[in-house]
Amino acid sequence: MFYWFLKWIAIGPLLRLVFRPQVEGADNVPSEGPAILASNHLSYADWLFMPLTLPRRVTFVAKAEYFNTPGIKGWFQRMFFSGSGQVPIDRSGASAAEGALTAAQRVLDEGDLFGIYPEGTRSHDGRLYRGKTGVARLALETGVPVIPVAVVGTDVVAPPGKKFGSFTRPVVRFGKPLDFERYEGLANDRYILRSVTDEIMYEIMRLSGQEYVDMYATRAKDESKKAEAAARAAQRAAAAPESTDEEPAEAPTDDATTDEASPAGPASKAS
């Protein structure tokens, strides 16, 4: 009930009034039955605008910390995220991926829509990064269709790393359902999983118009941070005053015999 309260009364109407999100291809999402909505991920606002354009509930996985915080704040946080269609997943352990798949399968078994971001994290520069194969495994193990989704403009409304952005009309595009029944029984074949994932990412790229980078987003973020740190270090080094501790060079002498006779060499003749 709280999900629908947020969507139709508390938050949804305000977002529609202020941002007037545009939707394309919503008829590609089935009116009933399970489906996987695989979307690009530009901003934390994605999970607000994408479900807003559909009459059905969309469930995502969220960090377990949102559900485990103690006190009054934790209670409100837990109520908000659980009521807004999120299910907790502990991402700190090695079994995080399996936990996410289990949660997703439970949602799909109940005939609902499950939203997933194959990139695994938000894009830091607006480009589309390599998808992780969890979405392919989920599709092959459940046999449900995958609907590619492109959300455009949310990184303007809520840019990564900033609290506020600027106004634009976000666009949500739903592509035609992708059927992978031809790979039934091959959910453990890593080459098949990569092929299916790449096919999904290609459709997302086509819908979003983003530049595709064949690298995981987490690695790209790390490399970007390292490059920024190196650039800052280089700027500091360039701006630092030159050292004046060096002694002046010795004046040349024409008296070679004197230099050879002096135990200290040319330095002993400096005046």
C-alpha atoms as a PDB file:
ATOM      1  CA  MET A   1       0.000   0.000   0.000  1.00  0.00           C
ATOM      2  CA  PHE A   2       2.800   2.412   0.855  1.00  0.00           C
ATOM      3  CA  TYR A   3       4.280   1.927  -2.633  1.00  0.00           C
ATOM      4  CA  TRP A   4       1.065   3.102  -4.258  1.00  0.00           C
ATOM      5  CA  PHE A   5       0.721   5.940  -1.744  1.00  0.00           C
ATOM      6  CA  LEU A   6       4.160   7.235  -2.766  1.00  0.00           C
ATOM      7  CA  LYS A   7       3.530   6.698  -6.466  1.00  0.00           C
ATOM      8  CA  TRP A   8       0.063   8.193  -6.787  1.00  0.00           C
ATOM      9  CA  ILE A   9      -0.201  10.644  -3.879  1.00  0.00           C
ATOM     10  CA  ALA A  10       3.014  11.637  -2.064  1.00  0.00           C
ATOM     11  CA  ILE A  11       5.838  11.754  -4.637  1.00  0.00           C
ATOM     12  CA  GLY A  12       4.566  10.702  -8.064  1.00  0.00           C
ATOM     13  CA  PRO A  13       2.209  13.645  -8.746  1.00  0.00           C
ATOM     14  CA  LEU A  14       4.889  16.167  -7.763  1.00  0.00           C
ATOM     15  CA  LEU A  15       7.477  14.590 -10.064  1.00  0.00           C
ATOM     16  CA  ARG A  16       4.984  14.494 -12.918  1.00  0.00           C
ATOM     17  CA  LEU A  17       4.001  18.119 -12.388  1.00  0.00           C
ATOM     18  CA  VAL A  18       7.530  19.497 -12.095  1.00  0.00           C
ATOM     19  CA  PHE A  19       9.499  17.342 -14.544  1.00  0.00           C
ATOM     20  CA  ARG A  20       6.777  16.004 -16.881  1.00  0.00           C
ATOM     21  CA  PRO A  21       8.732  12.834 -17.778  1.00  0.00           C
ATOM     22  CA  GLN A  22       8.212  11.489 -21.284  1.00  0.00           C
ATOM     23  CA  VAL A  23       7.666   7.807 -21.952  1.00  0.00           C
ATOM     24  CA  GLU A  24       8.148   5.846 -25.175  1.00  0.00           C
ATOM     25  CA  GLY A  25       7.348   2.200 -25.826  1.00  0.00           C
ATOM     26  CA  ALA A  26       5.437   1.567 -22.588  1.00  0.00           C
ATOM     27  CA  ASP A  27       3.239  -0.886 -24.493  1.00  0.00           C
ATOM     28  CA  ASN A  28       6.308  -3.173 -24.705  1.00  0.00           C
ATOM     29  CA  VAL A  29       5.919  -3.869 -20.979  1.00  0.00           C
ATOM     30  CA  PRO A  30       3.339  -6.634 -20.399  1.00  0.00           C
ATOM     31  CA  SER A  31       0.248  -5.616 -18.441  1.00  0.00           C
ATOM     32  CA  GLU A  32       0.624  -8.743 -16.324  1.00  0.00           C
ATOM     33  CA  GLY A  33       3.124 -11.513 -15.700  1.00  0.00           C
ATOM     34  CA  PRO A  34       6.831 -11.403 -14.836  1.00  0.00           C
ATOM     35  CA  ALA A  35       9.483  -9.522 -16.791  1.00  0.00           C
ATOM     36  CA  ILE A  36      12.968  -8.145 -16.223  1.00  0.00           C
ATOM     37  CA  LEU A  37      13.474  -4.431 -16.860  1.00  0.00           C
ATOM     38  CA  ALA A  38      17.179  -3.964 -17.656  1.00  0.00           C
ATOM     39  CA  SER A  39      18.108  -0.295 -17.622  1.00  0.00           C
ATOM     40  CA  ASN A  40      21.089   2.007 -17.966  1.00  0.00           C
ATOM     41  CA  HIS A  41      22.031   3.855 -14.774  1.00  0.00           C
ATOM     42  CA  LEU A  42      22.852   7.553 -14.951  1.00  0.00           C
ATOM     43  CA  SER A  43      21.574   8.827 -11.605  1.00  0.00           C
ATOM     44  CA  TYR A  44      20.053   7.810  -8.290  1.00  0.00           C
ATOM     45  CA  ALA A  45      16.843   9.341  -9.664  1.00  0.00           C
ATOM     46  CA  ASP A  46      16.510   6.540 -12.234  1.00  0.00           C
ATOM     47  CA  TRP A  47      14.575   4.279  -9.874  1.00  0.00           C
ATOM     48  CA  LEU A  48      12.055   7.102  -9.331  1.00  0.00           C
ATOM     49  CA  PHE A  49      11.351   8.083 -12.926  1.00  0.00           C
ATOM     50  CA  MET A  50      11.338   4.671 -14.596  1.00  0.00           C
ATOM     51  CA  PRO A  51       8.604   3.105 -12.385  1.00  0.00           C
ATOM     52  CA  LEU A  52       6.690   6.383 -12.500  1.00  0.00           C
ATOM     53  CA  THR A  53       5.942   5.841 -16.195  1.00  0.00           C
ATOM     54  CA  LEU A  54       4.333   2.413 -15.656  1.00  0.00           C
ATOM     55  CA  PRO A  55       1.033   1.452 -14.016  1.00  0.00           C
ATOM     56  CA  ARG A  56       2.636  -1.675 -12.518  1.00  0.00           C
ATOM     57  CA  ARG A  57       4.917  -1.987  -9.518  1.00  0.00           C
ATOM     58  CA  VAL A  58       8.653  -2.343 -10.218  1.00  0.00           C
ATOM     59  CA  THR A  59      10.930  -3.893  -7.597  1.00  0.00           C
ATOM     60  CA  PHE A  60      14.683  -3.306  -7.301  1.00  0.00           C
ATOM     61  CA  VAL A  61      17.351  -4.535  -4.911  1.00  0.00           C
ATOM     62  CA  ALA A  62      18.896  -2.006  -2.520  1.00  0.00           C
ATOM     63  CA  LYS A  63      21.768  -1.960  -0.040  1.00  0.00           C
ATOM     64  CA  ALA A  64      20.991  -3.790   3.194  1.00  0.00           C
ATOM     65  CA  GLU A  65      22.216  -0.743   5.155  1.00  0.00           C
ATOM     66  CA  TYR A  66      19.035   1.062   4.125  1.00  0.00           C
ATOM     67  CA  PHE A  67      17.060  -1.526   6.065  1.00  0.00           C
ATOM     68  CA  ASN A  68      19.346  -2.113   9.059  1.00  0.00           C
ATOM     69  CA  THR A  69      19.933   1.408  10.394  1.00  0.00           C
ATOM     70  CA  PRO A  70      18.811   1.597  14.049  1.00  0.00           C
ATOM     71  CA  GLY A  71      16.650   4.263  15.659  1.00  0.00           C
ATOM     72  CA  ILE A  72      13.854   6.496  14.385  1.00  0.00           C
ATOM     73  CA  LYS A  73      15.806   7.462  11.270  1.00  0.00           C
ATOM     74  CA  GLY A  74      16.351   3.800  10.460  1.00  0.00           C
ATOM     75  CA  TRP A  75      12.655   3.059  10.878  1.00  0.00           C
ATOM     76  CA  PHE A  76      11.627   5.805   8.443  1.00  0.00           C
ATOM     77  CA  GLN A  77      14.375   4.767   6.030  1.00  0.00           C
ATOM     78  CA  ARG A  78      13.300   1.134   6.199  1.00  0.00           C
ATOM     79  CA  MET A  79       9.648   2.073   5.672  1.00  0.00           C
ATOM     80  CA  PHE A  80      10.496   4.262   2.691  1.00  0.00           C
ATOM     81  CA  PHE A  81      12.699   1.805   0.831  1.00  0.00           C
ATOM     82  CA  SER A  82      10.576  -1.264   1.484  1.00  0.00           C
ATOM     83  CA  GLY A  83       7.422   0.654   0.646  1.00  0.00           C
ATOM     84  CA  SER A  84       8.895   2.116  -2.534  1.00  0.00           C
ATOM     85  CA  GLY A  85       9.603  -1.274  -4.032  1.00  0.00           C
ATOM     86  CA  GLN A  86      13.090  -2.119  -2.781  1.00  0.00           C
ATOM     87  CA  VAL A  87      14.283  -5.429  -1.355  1.00  0.00           C
ATOM     88  CA  PRO A  88      17.467  -5.596   0.760  1.00  0.00           C
ATOM     89  CA  ILE A  89      20.663  -7.233  -0.400  1.00  0.00           C
ATOM     90  CA  ASP A  90      23.988  -7.416   1.428  1.00  0.00           C
ATOM     91  CA  ARG A  91      26.593  -6.308  -1.129  1.00  0.00           C
ATOM     92  CA  SER A  92      29.607  -6.663   1.155  1.00  0.00           C
ATOM     93  CA  GLY A  93      30.062 -10.439   1.007  1.00  0.00           C
ATOM     94  CA  ALA A  94      31.077 -12.857  -1.705  1.00  0.00           C
ATOM     95  CA  SER A  95      27.503 -14.140  -1.922  1.00  0.00           C
ATOM     96  CA  ALA A  96      26.064 -10.724  -2.801  1.00  0.00           C
ATOM     97  CA  ALA A  97      25.371 -11.713  -6.413  1.00  0.00           C
ATOM     98  CA  GLU A  98      23.644 -14.923  -5.377  1.00  0.00           C
ATOM     99  CA  GLY A  99      21.571 -13.014  -2.846  1.00  0.00           C
ATOM    100  CA  ALA A 100      20.461 -10.550  -5.497  1.00  0.00           C
ATOM    101  CA  LEU A 101      19.500 -13.382  -7.861  1.00  0.00           C
ATOM    102  CA  THR A 102      17.507 -15.122  -5.131  1.00  0.00           C
ATOM    103  CA  ALA A 103      15.632 -11.915  -4.324  1.00  0.00           C
ATOM    104  CA  ALA A 104      14.967 -11.303  -8.020  1.00  0.00           C
ATOM    105  CA  GLN A 105      13.703 -14.837  -8.612  1.00  0.00           C
ATOM    106  CA  ARG A 106      11.298 -14.460  -5.719  1.00  0.00           C
ATOM    107  CA  VAL A 107       9.864 -11.278  -7.238  1.00  0.00           C
ATOM    108  CA  LEU A 108       9.530 -12.876 -10.677  1.00  0.00           C
ATOM    109  CA  ASP A 109       7.965 -16.037  -9.253  1.00  0.00           C
ATOM    110  CA  GLU A 110       5.201 -13.839  -7.873  1.00  0.00           C
ATOM    111  CA  GLY A 111       4.517 -12.537 -11.398  1.00  0.00           C
ATOM    112  CA  ASP A 112       5.923  -9.043 -10.827  1.00  0.00           C
ATOM    113  CA  LEU A 113       8.353  -6.759 -12.637  1.00  0.00           C
ATOM    114  CA  PHE A 114      11.967  -6.726 -11.516  1.00  0.00           C
ATOM    115  CA  GLY A 115      14.245  -3.785 -12.317  1.00  0.00           C
ATOM    116  CA  ILE A 116      17.993  -4.266 -12.673  1.00  0.00           C
ATOM    117  CA  TYR A 117      20.978  -2.149 -13.685  1.00  0.00           C
ATOM    118  CA  PRO A 118      23.390  -4.481 -15.530  1.00  0.00           C
ATOM    119  CA  GLU A 119      26.259  -1.975 -15.211  1.00  0.00           C
ATOM    120  CA  GLY A 120      26.142  -2.569 -11.449  1.00  0.00           C
ATOM    121  CA  THR A 121      26.655   1.083 -10.521  1.00  0.00           C
ATOM    122  CA  ARG A 122      25.938   4.567 -11.823  1.00  0.00           C
ATOM    123  CA  SER A 123      27.889   5.849 -14.793  1.00  0.00           C
ATOM    124  CA  HIS A 124      30.253   8.609 -13.663  1.00  0.00           C
ATOM    125  CA  ASP A 125      30.581  10.258 -17.072  1.00  0.00           C
ATOM    126  CA  GLY A 126      27.328   9.530 -18.917  1.00  0.00           C
ATOM    127  CA  ARG A 127      28.716   6.680 -21.014  1.00  0.00           C
ATOM    128  CA  LEU A 128      27.321   3.147 -21.053  1.00  0.00           C
ATOM    129  CA  TYR A 129      29.607   0.516 -19.573  1.00  0.00           C
ATOM    130  CA  ARG A 130      29.956  -3.233 -19.889  1.00  0.00           C
ATOM    131  CA  GLY A 131      27.127  -5.202 -18.329  1.00  0.00           C
ATOM    132  CA  LYS A 132      27.600  -7.816 -15.648  1.00  0.00           C
ATOM    133  CA  THR A 133      26.249 -11.257 -16.490  1.00  0.00           C
ATOM    134  CA  GLY A 134      23.829 -11.491 -13.563  1.00  0.00           C
ATOM    135  CA  VAL A 135      21.010 -10.208 -15.760  1.00  0.00           C
ATOM    136  CA  ALA A 136      21.668 -12.978 -18.282  1.00  0.00           C
ATOM    137  CA  ARG A 137      21.763 -15.668 -15.599  1.00  0.00           C
ATOM    138  CA  LEU A 138      18.484 -14.388 -14.171  1.00  0.00           C
ATOM    139  CA  ALA A 139      16.838 -14.415 -17.595  1.00  0.00           C
ATOM    140  CA  LEU A 140      18.009 -17.937 -18.445  1.00  0.00           C
ATOM    141  CA  GLU A 141      17.156 -19.419 -15.041  1.00  0.00           C
ATOM    142  CA  THR A 142      13.653 -17.927 -14.911  1.00  0.00           C
ATOM    143  CA  GLY A 143      12.787 -17.975 -18.622  1.00  0.00           C
ATOM    144  CA  VAL A 144      11.098 -14.556 -18.417  1.00  0.00           C
ATOM    145  CA  PRO A 145      11.550 -11.876 -21.103  1.00  0.00           C
ATOM    146  CA  VAL A 146      14.046  -9.036 -20.730  1.00  0.00           C
ATOM    147  CA  ILE A 147      12.850  -5.557 -21.625  1.00  0.00           C
ATOM    148  CA  PRO A 148      15.720  -3.141 -22.346  1.00  0.00           C
ATOM    149  CA  VAL A 149      15.164   0.321 -20.880  1.00  0.00           C
ATOM    150  CA  ALA A 150      16.913   3.632 -21.490  1.00  0.00           C
ATOM    151  CA  VAL A 151      16.500   6.523 -19.073  1.00  0.00           C
ATOM    152  CA  VAL A 152      17.768   9.815 -20.493  1.00  0.00           C
ATOM    153  CA  GLY A 153      18.209  13.141 -18.692  1.00  0.00           C
ATOM    154  CA  THR A 154      18.202  11.969 -15.077  1.00  0.00           C
ATOM    155  CA  ASP A 155      21.902  12.833 -14.816  1.00  0.00           C
ATOM    156  CA  VAL A 156      20.882  16.447 -15.494  1.00  0.00           C
ATOM    157  CA  VAL A 157      18.145  16.404 -12.848  1.00  0.00           C
ATOM    158  CA  ALA A 158      20.363  14.678 -10.271  1.00  0.00           C
ATOM    159  CA  PRO A 159      24.029  14.599 -11.394  1.00  0.00           C
ATOM    160  CA  PRO A 160      26.342  12.029  -9.781  1.00  0.00           C
ATOM    161  CA  GLY A 161      28.223  13.537  -6.859  1.00  0.00           C
ATOM    162  CA  LYS A 162      25.879  16.523  -6.511  1.00  0.00           C
ATOM    163  CA  LYS A 163      22.736  17.099  -4.458  1.00  0.00           C
ATOM    164  CA  PHE A 164      20.992  19.271  -7.026  1.00  0.00           C
ATOM    165  CA  GLY A 165      21.061  19.566 -10.782  1.00  0.00           C
ATOM    166  CA  SER A 166      19.039  21.552 -13.289  1.00  0.00           C
ATOM    167  CA  PHE A 167      15.682  21.187 -14.929  1.00  0.00           C
ATOM    168  CA  THR A 168      15.017  18.925 -17.895  1.00  0.00           C
ATOM    169  CA  ARG A 169      12.309  16.500 -19.001  1.00  0.00           C
ATOM    170  CA  PRO A 170      13.600  12.967 -18.438  1.00  0.00           C
ATOM    171  CA  VAL A 171      12.790  10.420 -21.124  1.00  0.00           C
ATOM    172  CA  VAL A 172      12.130   6.734 -20.431  1.00  0.00           C
ATOM    173  CA  ARG A 173      12.254   4.388 -23.435  1.00  0.00           C
ATOM    174  CA  PHE A 174      11.155   0.767 -23.270  1.00  0.00           C
ATOM    175  CA  GLY A 175      12.434  -1.518 -26.009  1.00  0.00           C
ATOM    176  CA  LYS A 176      10.848  -4.654 -27.387  1.00  0.00           C
ATOM    177  CA  PRO A 177      11.065  -7.738 -25.136  1.00  0.00           C
ATOM    178  CA  LEU A 178      14.093  -9.965 -25.687  1.00  0.00           C
ATOM    179  CA  ASP A 179      13.463 -13.710 -25.594  1.00  0.00           C
ATOM    180  CA  PHE A 180      16.354 -16.030 -24.734  1.00  0.00           C
ATOM    181  CA  GLU A 181      14.533 -19.368 -24.686  1.00  0.00           C
ATOM    182  CA  ARG A 182      16.977 -20.609 -27.325  1.00  0.00           C
ATOM    183  CA  TYR A 183      19.593 -20.790 -24.570  1.00  0.00           C
ATOM    184  CA  GLU A 184      17.476 -22.828 -22.165  1.00  0.00           C
ATOM    185  CA  GLY A 185      19.633 -25.012 -19.917  1.00  0.00           C
ATOM    186  CA  LEU A 186      22.819 -23.019 -20.594  1.00  0.00           C
ATOM    187  CA  ALA A 187      22.714 -20.701 -17.585  1.00  0.00           C
ATOM    188  CA  ASN A 188      26.118 -21.994 -16.430  1.00  0.00           C
ATOM    189  CA  ASP A 189      27.900 -21.418 -19.730  1.00  0.00           C
ATOM    190  CA  ARG A 190      29.928 -18.238 -19.265  1.00  0.00           C
ATOM    191  CA  TYR A 191      30.216 -17.629 -23.008  1.00  0.00           C
ATOM    192  CA  ILE A 192      26.450 -17.779 -23.401  1.00  0.00           C
ATOM    193  CA  LEU A 193      25.999 -15.491 -20.400  1.00  0.00           C
ATOM    194  CA  ARG A 194      28.381 -12.950 -21.923  1.00  0.00           C
ATOM    195  CA  SER A 195      26.657 -13.165 -25.295  1.00  0.00           C
ATOM    196  CA  VAL A 196      23.206 -12.627 -23.781  1.00  0.00           C
ATOM    197  CA  THR A 197      24.443  -9.743 -21.636  1.00  0.00           C
ATOM    198  CA  ASP A 198      26.086  -8.043 -24.608  1.00  0.00           C
ATOM    199  CA  GLU A 199      22.879  -8.371 -26.617  1.00  0.00           C
ATOM    200  CA  ILE A 200      20.950  -6.680 -23.811  1.00  0.00           C
ATOM    201  CA  MET A 201      23.533  -3.898 -23.500  1.00  0.00           C
ATOM    202  CA  TYR A 202      23.465  -3.317 -27.256  1.00  0.00           C
ATOM    203  CA  GLU A 203      19.720  -2.719 -27.129  1.00  0.00           C
ATOM    204  CA  ILE A 204      20.117  -0.348 -24.174  1.00  0.00           C
ATOM    205  CA  MET A 205      22.821   1.529 -26.093  1.00  0.00           C
ATOM    206  CA  ARG A 206      20.578   1.767 -29.138  1.00  0.00           C
ATOM    207  CA  LEU A 207      17.716   3.165 -27.051  1.00  0.00           C
ATOM    208  CA  SER A 208      19.798   5.605 -25.014  1.00  0.00           C
ATOM    209  CA  GLY A 209      22.205   6.839 -27.674  1.00  0.00           C
ATOM    210  CA  GLN A 210      25.078   6.580 -25.181  1.00  0.00           C
ATOM    211  CA  GLU A 211      28.664   5.900 -26.136  1.00  0.00           C
ATOM    212  CA  TYR A 212      29.517   2.319 -25.175  1.00  0.00           C
ATOM    213  CA  VAL A 213      32.712   1.445 -23.300  1.00  0.00           C
ATOM    214  CA  ASP A 214      33.746  -2.213 -23.092  1.00  0.00           C
ATOM    215  CA  MET A 215      34.905  -1.889 -19.489  1.00  0.00           C
ATOM    216  CA  TYR A 216      33.175  -2.389 -16.168  1.00  0.00           C
ATOM    217  CA  ALA A 217      31.946   0.868 -14.649  1.00  0.00           C
ATOM    218  CA  THR A 218      33.645   0.209 -11.306  1.00  0.00           C
ATOM    219  CA  ARG A 219      37.042  -0.138 -12.990  1.00  0.00           C
ATOM    220  CA  ALA A 220      36.421   2.963 -15.094  1.00  0.00           C
ATOM    221  CA  LYS A 221      35.591   4.944 -11.949  1.00  0.00           C
ATOM    222  CA  ASP A 222      38.782   3.778 -10.245  1.00  0.00           C
ATOM    223  CA  GLU A 223      40.907   4.703 -13.251  1.00  0.00           C
ATOM    224  CA  SER A 224      39.211   8.084 -13.489  1.00  0.00           C
ATOM    225  CA  LYS A 225      39.929   8.800  -9.813  1.00  0.00           C
ATOM    226  CA  LYS A 226      43.573   7.796 -10.256  1.00  0.00           C
ATOM    227  CA  ALA A 227      43.897  10.022 -13.324  1.00  0.00           C
ATOM    228  CA  GLU A 228      42.333  12.960 -11.468  1.00  0.00           C
ATOM    229  CA  ALA A 229      44.674  12.443  -8.512  1.00  0.00           C
ATOM    230  CA  ALA A 230      47.693  12.320 -10.839  1.00  0.00           C
ATOM    231  CA  ALA A 231      46.541  15.495 -12.594  1.00  0.00           C
ATOM    232  CA  ARG A 232      46.152  17.328  -9.267  1.00  0.00           C
ATOM    233  CA  ALA A 233      49.622  16.184  -8.178  1.00  0.00           C
ATOM    234  CA  ALA A 234      51.091  17.423 -11.462  1.00  0.00           C
ATOM    235  CA  GLN A 235      49.377  20.802 -11.042  1.00  0.00           C
ATOM    236  CA  ARG A 236      50.719  21.161  -7.514  1.00  0.00           C
ATOM    237  CA  ALA A 237      54.201  20.270  -8.695  1.00  0.00           C
ATOM    238  CA  ALA A 238      54.011  22.801 -11.528  1.00  0.00           C
ATOM    239  CA  ALA A 239      52.751  25.529  -9.214  1.00  0.00           C
ATOM    240  CA  ALA A 240      55.428  24.940  -6.542  1.00  0.00           C
ATOM    241  CA  PRO A 241      58.370  27.447  -6.568  1.00  0.00           C
ATOM    242  CA  GLU A 242      61.663  26.131  -7.899  1.00  0.00           C
ATOM    243  CA  SER A 243      64.224  25.133  -5.279  1.00  0.00           C
ATOM    244  CA  THR A 244      67.097  27.615  -4.689  1.00  0.00           C
ATOM    245  CA  ASP A 245      69.172  25.320  -2.487  1.00  0.00           C
ATOM    246  CA  GLU A 246      71.591  24.306  -5.238  1.00  0.00           C
ATOM    247  CA  GLU A 247      75.082  25.859  -5.172  1.00  0.00           C
ATOM    248  CA  PRO A 248      76.129  27.925  -8.206  1.00  0.00           C
ATOM    249  CA  ALA A 249      78.215  26.148 -10.813  1.00  0.00           C
ATOM    250  CA  GLU A 250      81.970  26.638 -10.634  1.00  0.00           C
ATOM    251  CA  ALA A 251      83.637  29.007 -13.034  1.00  0.00           C
ATOM    252  CA  PRO A 252      85.925  27.232 -15.514  1.00  0.00           C
ATOM    253  CA  THR A 253      89.668  27.612 -15.129  1.00  0.00           C
ATOM    254  CA  ASP A 254      92.454  27.526 -17.655  1.00  0.00           C
ATOM    255  CA  ASP A 255      95.059  26.407 -15.116  1.00  0.00           C
ATOM    256  CA  ALA A 256      94.811  22.655 -15.479  1.00  0.00           C
ATOM    257  CA  THR A 257      98.057  22.030 -13.637  1.00  0.00           C
ATOM    258  CA  THR A 258      96.801  23.907 -10.591  1.00  0.00           C
ATOM    259  CA  ASP A 259      93.586  21.854 -10.568  1.00  0.00           C
ATOM    260  CA  GLU A 260      95.520  18.659 -10.685  1.00  0.00           C
ATOM    261  CA  ALA A 261      97.771  19.785  -7.827  1.00  0.00           C
ATOM    262  CA  SER A 262      94.880  20.801  -5.581  1.00  0.00           C
ATOM    263  CA  PRO A 263      93.433  17.888  -3.525  1.00  0.00           C
ATOM    264  CA  ALA A 264      89.952  19.436  -3.720  1.00  0.00           C
ATOM    265  CA  GLY A 265      89.988  20.024  -7.453  1.00  0.00           C
ATOM    266  CA  PRO A 266      88.208  23.030  -8.976  1.00  0.00           C
ATOM    267  CA  ALA A 267      86.022  23.624  -5.935  1.00  0.00           C
ATOM    268  CA  SER A 268      88.978  24.756  -3.862  1.00  0.00           C
ATOM    269  CA  LYS A 269      89.641  27.635  -6.287  1.00  0.00           C
ATOM    270  CA  ALA A 270      86.157  29.196  -6.116  1.00  0.00           C
ATOM    271  CA  SER A 271      86.228  32.775  -4.806  1.00  0.00           C
END
